[in-house]
Amino acid sequence: GGDDVTWARDLEARQDKCLTELELLQQRVYKLEADCCGAKATENASKMDIVIGCSVGSPAVYMAAVIARKVNCLIKVFSHSSNTKEVDSSVTNKLLCVNNGETDYCGVNLIYKDTPTPQFMACPGRLVAVSGLSNILRYVVRERKYTSLYDEEDLESAALSIADIALCCTLTSLDTKLIPNSLRTYLVNTIRSNYEMRVLKAF
């Protein structure tokens, strides 16, 4: 009912506030690194270096491909000791092929582990309290200022929303036989009309 909607909005507002504060803190860290270490630290700060932990078959697997395509970086895939599920080698090979031959820089590390929700670290050794598909996407596009992928300040003209990207990644993780025709058409059209999302065609 109305109370549930209000609660959800309050929760989203708190999450947005936390993410904004997190971004400001990270910017301060980058500035301190640049002041202490010179231009080299600034250059390194501009490159993405994230770790996504998720279960095998999670929509976050496909989200990693979308992010890598946007950044034009490679993906490395690992399996944590807590993972007890069989890793699909065909999916791994497709992930390793994203941007292969176009760049030699790896900015996305995907780790299969036993976890109910995707987990995220902004870079190795710096734990960021971000979990869940939409929150990870929101953090990445904000921190990298990817307004062409999702523009929070101009939602009316934005090509995609966080919900669009998360839904497409979720649908890609499902057996196509289980997807209603209307959603299948939506997925095909979204992938066709957006450069970053086209990477999902491989899966």
N, C-alpha and C. Protein backbone atom coordinates (compact mmCIF):
# COMPACT_ATOMS: atom_id res chain seq x y z
N GLY A 1 0.80 -1.19 0.00
CA GLY A 1 0.00 0.00 0.00
C GLY A 1 0.84 1.25 0.00
N GLY A 2 0.22 2.38 0.40
CA GLY A 2 0.92 3.65 0.42
C GLY A 2 2.13 3.66 1.34
N ASP A 3 2.01 2.97 2.49
CA ASP A 3 3.13 2.93 3.43
C ASP A 3 4.33 2.24 2.82
N ASP A 4 4.08 1.17 2.05
CA ASP A 4 5.18 0.44 1.40
C ASP A 4 5.89 1.32 0.38
N VAL A 5 5.12 2.10 -0.38
CA VAL A 5 5.70 3.00 -1.39
C VAL A 5 6.56 4.07 -0.71
N THR A 6 6.01 4.64 0.38
CA THR A 6 6.76 5.66 1.13
C THR A 6 8.04 5.09 1.70
N TRP A 7 7.95 3.88 2.26
CA TRP A 7 9.13 3.23 2.83
C TRP A 7 10.18 2.99 1.76
N ALA A 8 9.75 2.54 0.57
CA ALA A 8 10.68 2.26 -0.52
C ALA A 8 11.37 3.55 -0.99
N ARG A 9 10.58 4.62 -1.07
CA ARG A 9 11.16 5.90 -1.49
C ARG A 9 12.16 6.42 -0.46
N ASP A 10 11.82 6.27 0.81
CA ASP A 10 12.74 6.70 1.88
C ASP A 10 14.04 5.91 1.82
N LEU A 11 13.90 4.62 1.58
CA LEU A 11 15.09 3.75 1.49
C LEU A 11 15.96 4.16 0.32
N GLU A 12 15.33 4.42 -0.83
CA GLU A 12 16.09 4.82 -2.02
C GLU A 12 16.78 6.16 -1.78
N ALA A 13 16.09 7.08 -1.09
CA ALA A 13 16.68 8.38 -0.79
C ALA A 13 17.90 8.22 0.12
N ARG A 14 17.79 7.33 1.11
CA ARG A 14 18.93 7.09 2.00
C ARG A 14 20.10 6.47 1.25
N GLN A 15 19.79 5.53 0.32
CA GLN A 15 20.84 4.91 -0.47
C GLN A 15 21.54 5.94 -1.35
N ASP A 16 20.74 6.81 -1.97
CA ASP A 16 21.32 7.86 -2.81
C ASP A 16 22.23 8.77 -2.00
N LYS A 17 21.80 9.12 -0.77
CA LYS A 17 22.60 9.99 0.11
C LYS A 17 23.91 9.31 0.47
N CYS A 18 23.84 8.01 0.77
CA CYS A 18 25.06 7.26 1.12
C CYS A 18 26.03 7.20 -0.06
N LEU A 19 25.48 6.95 -1.25
CA LEU A 19 26.33 6.87 -2.44
C LEU A 19 26.97 8.22 -2.75
N THR A 20 26.22 9.30 -2.57
CA THR A 20 26.77 10.64 -2.80
C THR A 20 27.91 10.92 -1.83
N GLU A 21 27.71 10.58 -0.55
CA GLU A 21 28.76 10.79 0.44
C GLU A 21 29.98 9.93 0.13
N LEU A 22 29.73 8.72 -0.37
CA LEU A 22 30.81 7.81 -0.74
C LEU A 22 31.63 8.38 -1.89
N GLU A 23 30.94 8.95 -2.89
CA GLU A 23 31.63 9.57 -4.02
C GLU A 23 32.52 10.72 -3.55
N LEU A 24 31.99 11.58 -2.66
CA LEU A 24 32.76 12.71 -2.17
C LEU A 24 34.00 12.23 -1.42
N LEU A 25 33.83 11.16 -0.64
CA LEU A 25 34.97 10.61 0.10
C LEU A 25 36.02 10.06 -0.86
N GLN A 26 35.56 9.37 -1.90
CA GLN A 26 36.51 8.81 -2.86
C GLN A 26 37.26 9.91 -3.62
N GLN A 27 36.55 10.99 -3.96
CA GLN A 27 37.20 12.11 -4.64
C GLN A 27 38.29 12.72 -3.75
N ARG A 28 38.02 12.79 -2.45
CA ARG A 28 39.02 13.32 -1.52
C ARG A 28 40.24 12.41 -1.47
N VAL A 29 40.00 11.10 -1.50
CA VAL A 29 41.11 10.14 -1.49
C VAL A 29 41.94 10.30 -2.75
N TYR A 30 41.28 10.40 -3.91
CA TYR A 30 42.00 10.58 -5.17
C TYR A 30 42.83 11.86 -5.15
N LYS A 31 42.25 12.93 -4.58
CA LYS A 31 42.98 14.20 -4.53
C LYS A 31 44.21 14.08 -3.63
N LEU A 32 44.06 13.38 -2.51
CA LEU A 32 45.21 13.19 -1.63
C LEU A 32 46.29 12.37 -2.30
N GLU A 33 45.88 11.34 -3.05
CA GLU A 33 46.84 10.53 -3.79
C GLU A 33 47.59 11.37 -4.81
N ALA A 34 46.84 12.22 -5.51
CA ALA A 34 47.45 13.07 -6.53
C ALA A 34 48.43 14.06 -5.90
N ASP A 35 48.04 14.63 -4.74
CA ASP A 35 48.91 15.59 -4.06
C ASP A 35 50.19 14.94 -3.56
N CYS A 36 50.05 13.69 -3.10
CA CYS A 36 51.20 13.00 -2.52
C CYS A 36 52.10 12.36 -3.58
N CYS A 37 51.47 11.84 -4.64
CA CYS A 37 52.21 11.02 -5.60
C CYS A 37 52.36 11.66 -6.96
N GLY A 38 51.78 12.84 -7.17
CA GLY A 38 51.96 13.53 -8.44
C GLY A 38 51.05 13.03 -9.52
N ALA A 39 51.44 13.28 -10.77
CA ALA A 39 50.59 13.03 -11.94
C ALA A 39 50.28 11.56 -12.13
N LYS A 40 51.22 10.70 -11.73
CA LYS A 40 51.00 9.27 -11.95
C LYS A 40 49.76 8.78 -11.23
N ALA A 41 49.54 9.23 -9.99
CA ALA A 41 48.37 8.81 -9.22
C ALA A 41 47.09 9.29 -9.88
N THR A 42 47.13 10.53 -10.43
CA THR A 42 45.95 11.06 -11.10
C THR A 42 45.60 10.22 -12.31
N GLU A 43 46.63 9.82 -13.06
CA GLU A 43 46.39 9.00 -14.25
C GLU A 43 45.79 7.65 -13.86
N ASN A 44 46.33 7.03 -12.81
CA ASN A 44 45.81 5.74 -12.38
C ASN A 44 44.38 5.86 -11.87
N ALA A 45 44.06 7.00 -11.23
CA ALA A 45 42.72 7.20 -10.68
C ALA A 45 41.68 7.26 -11.78
N SER A 46 42.10 7.62 -12.99
CA SER A 46 41.14 7.74 -14.08
C SER A 46 40.76 6.39 -14.67
N LYS A 47 41.52 5.36 -14.33
CA LYS A 47 41.23 4.03 -14.87
C LYS A 47 40.37 3.24 -13.90
N MET A 48 39.40 2.54 -14.46
CA MET A 48 38.53 1.74 -13.61
C MET A 48 39.27 0.50 -13.13
N ASP A 49 39.02 0.12 -11.90
CA ASP A 49 39.59 -1.10 -11.33
C ASP A 49 38.61 -1.60 -10.28
N ILE A 50 37.62 -2.36 -10.71
CA ILE A 50 36.57 -2.79 -9.79
C ILE A 50 36.51 -4.30 -9.67
N VAL A 51 35.96 -4.75 -8.56
CA VAL A 51 35.77 -6.18 -8.30
C VAL A 51 34.29 -6.41 -8.03
N ILE A 52 33.71 -7.35 -8.76
CA ILE A 52 32.31 -7.73 -8.57
C ILE A 52 32.27 -9.18 -8.14
N GLY A 53 31.71 -9.42 -6.98
CA GLY A 53 31.53 -10.79 -6.50
C GLY A 53 30.07 -11.19 -6.63
N CYS A 54 29.82 -12.35 -7.22
CA CYS A 54 28.43 -12.79 -7.41
C CYS A 54 28.39 -14.30 -7.58
N SER A 55 27.20 -14.85 -7.50
CA SER A 55 27.04 -16.28 -7.70
C SER A 55 27.04 -16.61 -9.19
N VAL A 56 27.30 -17.85 -9.50
CA VAL A 56 27.27 -18.31 -10.90
C VAL A 56 25.85 -18.12 -11.45
N GLY A 57 25.75 -17.55 -12.64
CA GLY A 57 24.44 -17.34 -13.26
C GLY A 57 23.75 -16.06 -12.84
N SER A 58 24.38 -15.28 -11.98
CA SER A 58 23.78 -14.03 -11.52
C SER A 58 23.69 -13.02 -12.66
N PRO A 59 22.67 -12.16 -12.65
CA PRO A 59 22.60 -11.07 -13.64
C PRO A 59 23.83 -10.17 -13.60
N ALA A 60 24.53 -10.15 -12.46
CA ALA A 60 25.72 -9.31 -12.34
C ALA A 60 26.81 -9.75 -13.31
N VAL A 61 26.79 -11.02 -13.72
CA VAL A 61 27.75 -11.51 -14.71
C VAL A 61 27.62 -10.70 -16.00
N TYR A 62 26.39 -10.47 -16.41
CA TYR A 62 26.12 -9.77 -17.67
C TYR A 62 26.26 -8.25 -17.49
N MET A 63 26.00 -7.79 -16.27
CA MET A 63 26.24 -6.39 -15.96
C MET A 63 27.73 -6.08 -16.11
N ALA A 64 28.59 -7.03 -15.70
CA ALA A 64 30.03 -6.84 -15.82
C ALA A 64 30.42 -6.64 -17.29
N ALA A 65 29.76 -7.37 -18.17
CA ALA A 65 30.04 -7.25 -19.61
C ALA A 65 29.63 -5.87 -20.12
N VAL A 66 28.47 -5.37 -19.67
CA VAL A 66 28.00 -4.05 -20.09
C VAL A 66 28.96 -2.96 -19.62
N ILE A 67 29.39 -3.06 -18.36
CA ILE A 67 30.32 -2.07 -17.81
C ILE A 67 31.64 -2.10 -18.57
N ALA A 68 32.15 -3.30 -18.83
CA ALA A 68 33.42 -3.43 -19.55
C ALA A 68 33.33 -2.85 -20.95
N ARG A 69 32.20 -3.07 -21.62
CA ARG A 69 32.03 -2.51 -22.96
C ARG A 69 32.02 -0.98 -22.90
N LYS A 70 31.36 -0.43 -21.89
CA LYS A 70 31.30 1.02 -21.76
C LYS A 70 32.69 1.60 -21.50
N VAL A 71 33.47 0.93 -20.64
CA VAL A 71 34.78 1.43 -20.26
C VAL A 71 35.84 1.11 -21.32
N ASN A 72 35.52 0.13 -22.17
CA ASN A 72 36.47 -0.41 -23.15
C ASN A 72 37.67 -1.03 -22.43
N CYS A 73 37.34 -1.97 -21.53
CA CYS A 73 38.39 -2.67 -20.80
C CYS A 73 38.11 -4.17 -20.85
N LEU A 74 39.07 -4.95 -20.40
CA LEU A 74 38.92 -6.40 -20.37
C LEU A 74 38.33 -6.86 -19.04
N ILE A 75 37.85 -8.10 -19.03
CA ILE A 75 37.30 -8.72 -17.82
C ILE A 75 38.17 -9.92 -17.45
N LYS A 76 38.48 -10.04 -16.18
CA LYS A 76 39.11 -11.26 -15.66
C LYS A 76 38.09 -12.00 -14.82
N VAL A 77 38.09 -13.32 -14.91
CA VAL A 77 37.10 -14.14 -14.21
C VAL A 77 37.81 -15.09 -13.25
N PHE A 78 37.32 -15.13 -12.00
CA PHE A 78 37.90 -15.99 -10.98
C PHE A 78 36.78 -16.77 -10.27
N SER A 79 37.15 -17.84 -9.61
CA SER A 79 36.19 -18.60 -8.81
C SER A 79 36.72 -18.69 -7.38
N HIS A 80 35.95 -18.14 -6.44
CA HIS A 80 36.33 -18.14 -5.03
C HIS A 80 36.15 -19.53 -4.44
N SER A 81 36.87 -19.82 -3.37
CA SER A 81 36.78 -21.14 -2.74
C SER A 81 35.38 -21.43 -2.20
N SER A 82 34.58 -20.38 -1.95
CA SER A 82 33.23 -20.59 -1.42
C SER A 82 32.25 -21.01 -2.52
N ASN A 83 32.63 -20.86 -3.77
CA ASN A 83 31.74 -21.21 -4.87
C ASN A 83 31.65 -22.73 -5.04
N THR A 84 30.45 -23.26 -4.97
CA THR A 84 30.25 -24.71 -5.12
C THR A 84 29.52 -25.06 -6.42
N LYS A 85 29.15 -24.02 -7.19
CA LYS A 85 28.43 -24.26 -8.44
C LYS A 85 29.40 -24.41 -9.60
N GLU A 86 28.98 -25.17 -10.59
CA GLU A 86 29.81 -25.36 -11.77
C GLU A 86 29.83 -24.09 -12.61
N VAL A 87 31.01 -23.68 -12.99
CA VAL A 87 31.15 -22.47 -13.80
C VAL A 87 31.00 -22.85 -15.28
N ASP A 88 30.12 -22.13 -15.97
CA ASP A 88 29.88 -22.37 -17.40
C ASP A 88 31.05 -21.80 -18.19
N SER A 89 31.87 -22.66 -18.75
CA SER A 89 33.07 -22.21 -19.46
C SER A 89 32.72 -21.40 -20.71
N SER A 90 31.56 -21.69 -21.32
CA SER A 90 31.18 -20.93 -22.53
C SER A 90 30.89 -19.47 -22.18
N VAL A 91 30.24 -19.26 -21.02
CA VAL A 91 29.99 -17.89 -20.57
C VAL A 91 31.31 -17.19 -20.23
N THR A 92 32.20 -17.91 -19.54
CA THR A 92 33.51 -17.35 -19.20
C THR A 92 34.27 -16.94 -20.45
N ASN A 93 34.26 -17.79 -21.47
CA ASN A 93 34.97 -17.48 -22.72
C ASN A 93 34.40 -16.23 -23.39
N LYS A 94 33.08 -16.08 -23.32
CA LYS A 94 32.46 -14.89 -23.92
C LYS A 94 32.83 -13.63 -23.14
N LEU A 95 32.91 -13.76 -21.82
CA LEU A 95 33.32 -12.62 -21.01
C LEU A 95 34.75 -12.22 -21.32
N LEU A 96 35.62 -13.21 -21.50
CA LEU A 96 37.02 -12.93 -21.79
C LEU A 96 37.20 -12.32 -23.18
N CYS A 97 36.21 -12.52 -24.05
CA CYS A 97 36.28 -11.98 -25.41
C CYS A 97 35.83 -10.52 -25.50
N VAL A 98 35.17 -10.03 -24.46
CA VAL A 98 34.68 -8.64 -24.50
C VAL A 98 35.87 -7.68 -24.63
N ASN A 99 35.87 -6.90 -25.71
CA ASN A 99 36.92 -5.91 -26.00
C ASN A 99 38.29 -6.54 -26.24
N ASN A 100 38.35 -7.85 -26.40
CA ASN A 100 39.63 -8.51 -26.65
C ASN A 100 40.18 -8.06 -28.00
N GLY A 101 41.42 -7.64 -28.01
CA GLY A 101 42.03 -7.14 -29.23
C GLY A 101 41.90 -5.63 -29.39
N GLU A 102 41.05 -5.02 -28.55
CA GLU A 102 40.85 -3.57 -28.62
C GLU A 102 41.60 -2.83 -27.51
N THR A 103 41.92 -3.56 -26.45
CA THR A 103 42.62 -2.94 -25.31
C THR A 103 43.37 -4.02 -24.56
N ASP A 104 44.37 -3.62 -23.79
CA ASP A 104 45.11 -4.58 -22.96
C ASP A 104 44.94 -4.27 -21.48
N TYR A 105 43.97 -3.40 -21.19
CA TYR A 105 43.77 -2.97 -19.80
C TYR A 105 42.55 -3.66 -19.21
N CYS A 106 42.74 -4.30 -18.07
CA CYS A 106 41.65 -4.99 -17.38
C CYS A 106 41.12 -4.11 -16.26
N GLY A 107 39.83 -3.75 -16.36
CA GLY A 107 39.25 -2.88 -15.35
C GLY A 107 38.14 -3.53 -14.55
N VAL A 108 37.71 -4.75 -14.95
CA VAL A 108 36.62 -5.44 -14.27
C VAL A 108 37.08 -6.84 -13.87
N ASN A 109 37.02 -7.12 -12.58
CA ASN A 109 37.36 -8.45 -12.08
C ASN A 109 36.09 -9.09 -11.53
N LEU A 110 35.71 -10.21 -12.12
CA LEU A 110 34.48 -10.91 -11.72
C LEU A 110 34.87 -12.16 -10.93
N ILE A 111 34.33 -12.26 -9.71
CA ILE A 111 34.66 -13.40 -8.85
C ILE A 111 33.38 -14.16 -8.51
N TYR A 112 33.32 -15.42 -8.92
CA TYR A 112 32.19 -16.26 -8.55
C TYR A 112 32.35 -16.71 -7.11
N LYS A 113 31.34 -16.47 -6.29
CA LYS A 113 31.41 -16.86 -4.88
C LYS A 113 30.01 -17.17 -4.37
N ASP A 114 29.95 -17.72 -3.20
CA ASP A 114 28.66 -18.06 -2.59
C ASP A 114 28.11 -16.82 -1.89
N THR A 115 27.25 -16.10 -2.59
CA THR A 115 26.66 -14.88 -2.03
C THR A 115 25.25 -14.71 -2.58
N PRO A 116 24.30 -14.31 -1.74
CA PRO A 116 22.91 -14.17 -2.21
C PRO A 116 22.71 -12.96 -3.12
N THR A 117 23.53 -11.92 -2.94
CA THR A 117 23.41 -10.72 -3.78
C THR A 117 24.79 -10.31 -4.27
N PRO A 118 24.87 -9.68 -5.43
CA PRO A 118 26.17 -9.22 -5.93
C PRO A 118 26.82 -8.24 -4.96
N GLN A 119 28.14 -8.33 -4.84
CA GLN A 119 28.89 -7.45 -3.97
C GLN A 119 29.92 -6.69 -4.80
N PHE A 120 30.32 -5.53 -4.29
CA PHE A 120 31.12 -4.63 -5.11
C PHE A 120 32.24 -3.97 -4.33
N MET A 121 33.42 -3.90 -4.94
CA MET A 121 34.53 -3.13 -4.40
C MET A 121 34.98 -2.16 -5.48
N ALA A 122 35.17 -0.88 -5.11
CA ALA A 122 35.56 0.12 -6.09
C ALA A 122 36.93 -0.17 -6.67
N CYS A 123 37.81 -0.75 -5.89
CA CYS A 123 39.09 -1.23 -6.38
C CYS A 123 39.66 -2.16 -5.31
N PRO A 124 40.55 -3.07 -5.70
CA PRO A 124 41.07 -4.03 -4.72
C PRO A 124 41.65 -3.34 -3.50
N GLY A 125 41.26 -3.82 -2.34
CA GLY A 125 41.76 -3.26 -1.09
C GLY A 125 40.94 -2.12 -0.54
N ARG A 126 39.95 -1.65 -1.34
CA ARG A 126 39.08 -0.57 -0.84
C ARG A 126 37.64 -1.06 -0.87
N LEU A 127 37.18 -1.55 0.24
CA LEU A 127 35.83 -2.10 0.31
C LEU A 127 34.81 -0.97 0.30
N VAL A 128 33.86 -1.08 -0.60
CA VAL A 128 32.78 -0.11 -0.68
C VAL A 128 31.48 -0.83 -0.34
N ALA A 129 30.71 -0.24 0.58
CA ALA A 129 29.49 -0.90 1.03
C ALA A 129 28.38 -0.75 0.00
N VAL A 130 28.56 -1.44 -1.12
CA VAL A 130 27.55 -1.41 -2.18
C VAL A 130 27.21 -2.84 -2.55
N SER A 131 25.94 -3.18 -2.53
CA SER A 131 25.52 -4.51 -2.93
C SER A 131 24.19 -4.41 -3.67
N GLY A 132 23.92 -5.37 -4.50
CA GLY A 132 22.70 -5.35 -5.30
C GLY A 132 22.96 -4.76 -6.67
N LEU A 133 22.31 -5.32 -7.67
CA LEU A 133 22.55 -4.96 -9.06
C LEU A 133 22.36 -3.47 -9.33
N SER A 134 21.22 -2.92 -8.95
CA SER A 134 20.92 -1.52 -9.25
C SER A 134 21.87 -0.57 -8.53
N ASN A 135 22.22 -0.88 -7.28
CA ASN A 135 23.12 -0.01 -6.53
C ASN A 135 24.52 0.01 -7.13
N ILE A 136 24.98 -1.15 -7.60
CA ILE A 136 26.30 -1.20 -8.23
C ILE A 136 26.29 -0.38 -9.52
N LEU A 137 25.26 -0.55 -10.32
CA LEU A 137 25.15 0.22 -11.57
C LEU A 137 25.11 1.71 -11.28
N ARG A 138 24.30 2.10 -10.29
CA ARG A 138 24.16 3.52 -9.96
C ARG A 138 25.51 4.10 -9.51
N TYR A 139 26.23 3.34 -8.71
CA TYR A 139 27.53 3.82 -8.24
C TYR A 139 28.50 4.01 -9.41
N VAL A 140 28.57 3.02 -10.30
CA VAL A 140 29.53 3.08 -11.40
C VAL A 140 29.24 4.25 -12.33
N VAL A 141 27.97 4.41 -12.73
CA VAL A 141 27.67 5.48 -13.69
C VAL A 141 27.82 6.86 -13.05
N ARG A 142 27.60 6.95 -11.75
CA ARG A 142 27.81 8.23 -11.07
C ARG A 142 29.29 8.53 -10.94
N GLU A 143 30.04 7.55 -10.44
CA GLU A 143 31.45 7.77 -10.16
C GLU A 143 32.22 8.06 -11.45
N ARG A 144 31.82 7.40 -12.55
CA ARG A 144 32.50 7.60 -13.83
C ARG A 144 31.85 8.69 -14.69
N LYS A 145 30.72 9.22 -14.20
CA LYS A 145 29.98 10.25 -14.95
C LYS A 145 29.58 9.78 -16.35
N TYR A 146 29.01 8.57 -16.40
CA TYR A 146 28.59 7.99 -17.68
C TYR A 146 27.18 8.44 -18.03
N THR A 147 27.03 9.71 -18.36
CA THR A 147 25.70 10.24 -18.66
C THR A 147 25.14 9.68 -19.96
N SER A 148 26.00 9.20 -20.86
CA SER A 148 25.49 8.60 -22.10
C SER A 148 24.84 7.25 -21.83
N LEU A 149 25.25 6.62 -20.73
CA LEU A 149 24.64 5.35 -20.35
C LEU A 149 23.42 5.57 -19.49
N TYR A 150 23.51 6.57 -18.62
CA TYR A 150 22.38 6.88 -17.74
C TYR A 150 22.58 8.27 -17.16
N ASP A 151 21.66 9.18 -17.44
CA ASP A 151 21.80 10.57 -17.00
C ASP A 151 20.74 10.88 -15.94
N GLU A 152 21.15 10.89 -14.67
CA GLU A 152 20.20 11.14 -13.58
C GLU A 152 19.64 12.56 -13.62
N GLU A 153 20.39 13.50 -14.20
CA GLU A 153 19.96 14.88 -14.22
C GLU A 153 19.01 15.18 -15.38
N ASP A 154 18.90 14.27 -16.32
CA ASP A 154 18.02 14.49 -17.46
C ASP A 154 17.35 13.17 -17.82
N LEU A 155 16.50 12.69 -16.92
CA LEU A 155 15.89 11.37 -17.07
C LEU A 155 14.97 11.30 -18.28
N GLU A 156 14.36 12.42 -18.67
CA GLU A 156 13.41 12.39 -19.77
C GLU A 156 14.08 12.05 -21.10
N SER A 157 15.31 12.50 -21.27
CA SER A 157 16.00 12.22 -22.53
C SER A 157 17.01 11.09 -22.40
N ALA A 158 17.14 10.52 -21.20
CA ALA A 158 18.10 9.42 -21.01
C ALA A 158 17.70 8.21 -21.84
N ALA A 159 18.69 7.62 -22.50
CA ALA A 159 18.41 6.46 -23.35
C ALA A 159 17.96 5.26 -22.52
N LEU A 160 18.56 5.13 -21.35
CA LEU A 160 18.26 3.99 -20.48
C LEU A 160 18.13 4.47 -19.05
N SER A 161 17.48 3.68 -18.25
CA SER A 161 17.47 3.91 -16.81
C SER A 161 18.23 2.77 -16.15
N ILE A 162 18.55 2.94 -14.87
CA ILE A 162 19.19 1.86 -14.13
C ILE A 162 18.31 0.61 -14.17
N ALA A 163 17.00 0.82 -14.07
CA ALA A 163 16.06 -0.30 -14.11
C ALA A 163 16.13 -1.03 -15.45
N ASP A 164 16.27 -0.27 -16.55
CA ASP A 164 16.40 -0.89 -17.88
C ASP A 164 17.61 -1.80 -17.95
N ILE A 165 18.75 -1.28 -17.51
CA ILE A 165 20.00 -2.04 -17.59
C ILE A 165 19.91 -3.29 -16.70
N ALA A 166 19.41 -3.11 -15.48
CA ALA A 166 19.29 -4.24 -14.56
C ALA A 166 18.33 -5.29 -15.10
N LEU A 167 17.21 -4.84 -15.68
CA LEU A 167 16.22 -5.79 -16.22
C LEU A 167 16.80 -6.57 -17.38
N CYS A 168 17.52 -5.89 -18.27
CA CYS A 168 18.11 -6.57 -19.43
C CYS A 168 19.14 -7.62 -18.98
N CYS A 169 19.94 -7.28 -17.97
CA CYS A 169 20.92 -8.23 -17.45
C CYS A 169 20.23 -9.42 -16.79
N THR A 170 19.13 -9.15 -16.10
CA THR A 170 18.36 -10.22 -15.46
C THR A 170 17.74 -11.14 -16.51
N LEU A 171 17.14 -10.56 -17.54
CA LEU A 171 16.53 -11.36 -18.60
C LEU A 171 17.58 -12.19 -19.34
N THR A 172 18.76 -11.63 -19.53
CA THR A 172 19.83 -12.36 -20.21
C THR A 172 20.26 -13.58 -19.41
N SER A 173 20.13 -13.50 -18.09
CA SER A 173 20.54 -14.61 -17.23
C SER A 173 19.53 -15.76 -17.21
N LEU A 174 18.34 -15.52 -17.76
CA LEU A 174 17.27 -16.53 -17.74
C LEU A 174 17.26 -17.37 -19.01
N ASP A 175 16.65 -18.52 -18.90
CA ASP A 175 16.38 -19.35 -20.08
C ASP A 175 15.35 -18.61 -20.93
N THR A 176 15.65 -18.43 -22.21
CA THR A 176 14.76 -17.65 -23.09
C THR A 176 13.35 -18.24 -23.14
N LYS A 177 13.23 -19.53 -22.90
CA LYS A 177 11.91 -20.18 -22.93
C LYS A 177 11.02 -19.69 -21.79
N LEU A 178 11.65 -19.16 -20.74
CA LEU A 178 10.90 -18.71 -19.57
C LEU A 178 10.50 -17.24 -19.67
N ILE A 179 10.97 -16.55 -20.70
CA ILE A 179 10.73 -15.12 -20.83
C ILE A 179 9.49 -14.87 -21.70
N PRO A 180 8.51 -14.14 -21.21
CA PRO A 180 7.32 -13.81 -22.02
C PRO A 180 7.73 -13.07 -23.30
N ASN A 181 6.92 -13.23 -24.35
CA ASN A 181 7.24 -12.62 -25.64
C ASN A 181 7.43 -11.11 -25.55
N SER A 182 6.60 -10.45 -24.74
CA SER A 182 6.69 -8.99 -24.64
C SER A 182 8.05 -8.56 -24.07
N LEU A 183 8.52 -9.28 -23.05
CA LEU A 183 9.81 -8.95 -22.46
C LEU A 183 10.95 -9.34 -23.39
N ARG A 184 10.77 -10.40 -24.13
CA ARG A 184 11.80 -10.80 -25.09
C ARG A 184 11.96 -9.74 -26.17
N THR A 185 10.84 -9.20 -26.63
CA THR A 185 10.88 -8.13 -27.64
C THR A 185 11.55 -6.88 -27.07
N TYR A 186 11.20 -6.57 -25.83
CA TYR A 186 11.81 -5.42 -25.15
C TYR A 186 13.33 -5.59 -25.07
N LEU A 187 13.78 -6.79 -24.69
CA LEU A 187 15.21 -7.07 -24.56
C LEU A 187 15.92 -6.90 -25.90
N VAL A 188 15.35 -7.47 -26.95
CA VAL A 188 15.96 -7.39 -28.29
C VAL A 188 16.05 -5.94 -28.75
N ASN A 189 14.99 -5.18 -28.56
CA ASN A 189 14.97 -3.78 -29.00
C ASN A 189 15.96 -2.92 -28.22
N THR A 190 16.06 -3.17 -26.91
CA THR A 190 16.99 -2.40 -26.08
C THR A 190 18.43 -2.69 -26.45
N ILE A 191 18.74 -3.96 -26.67
CA ILE A 191 20.09 -4.35 -27.06
C ILE A 191 20.45 -3.76 -28.42
N ARG A 192 19.50 -3.76 -29.32
CA ARG A 192 19.74 -3.27 -30.67
C ARG A 192 19.98 -1.76 -30.71
N SER A 193 19.32 -1.04 -29.80
CA SER A 193 19.34 0.43 -29.88
C SER A 193 20.42 1.09 -29.02
N ASN A 194 21.19 0.31 -28.28
CA ASN A 194 22.19 0.91 -27.39
C ASN A 194 23.53 0.20 -27.55
N TYR A 195 24.59 0.98 -27.78
CA TYR A 195 25.91 0.40 -28.06
C TYR A 195 26.39 -0.51 -26.94
N GLU A 196 26.35 -0.01 -25.69
CA GLU A 196 26.88 -0.80 -24.58
C GLU A 196 26.09 -2.09 -24.38
N MET A 197 24.78 -2.01 -24.61
CA MET A 197 23.94 -3.18 -24.35
C MET A 197 24.10 -4.27 -25.43
N ARG A 198 24.65 -3.90 -26.58
CA ARG A 198 24.81 -4.88 -27.66
C ARG A 198 25.73 -6.03 -27.28
N VAL A 199 26.57 -5.79 -26.27
CA VAL A 199 27.47 -6.85 -25.83
C VAL A 199 26.68 -8.07 -25.34
N LEU A 200 25.43 -7.86 -24.91
CA LEU A 200 24.60 -8.96 -24.39
C LEU A 200 24.17 -9.92 -25.49
N LYS A 201 24.27 -9.49 -26.76
CA LYS A 201 23.89 -10.38 -27.87
C LYS A 201 24.72 -11.65 -27.87
N ALA A 202 25.95 -11.56 -27.39
CA ALA A 202 26.86 -12.71 -27.40
C ALA A 202 26.38 -13.82 -26.48
N PHE A 203 25.53 -13.45 -25.49
CA PHE A 203 25.09 -14.44 -24.50
C PHE A 203 23.71 -14.99 -24.83
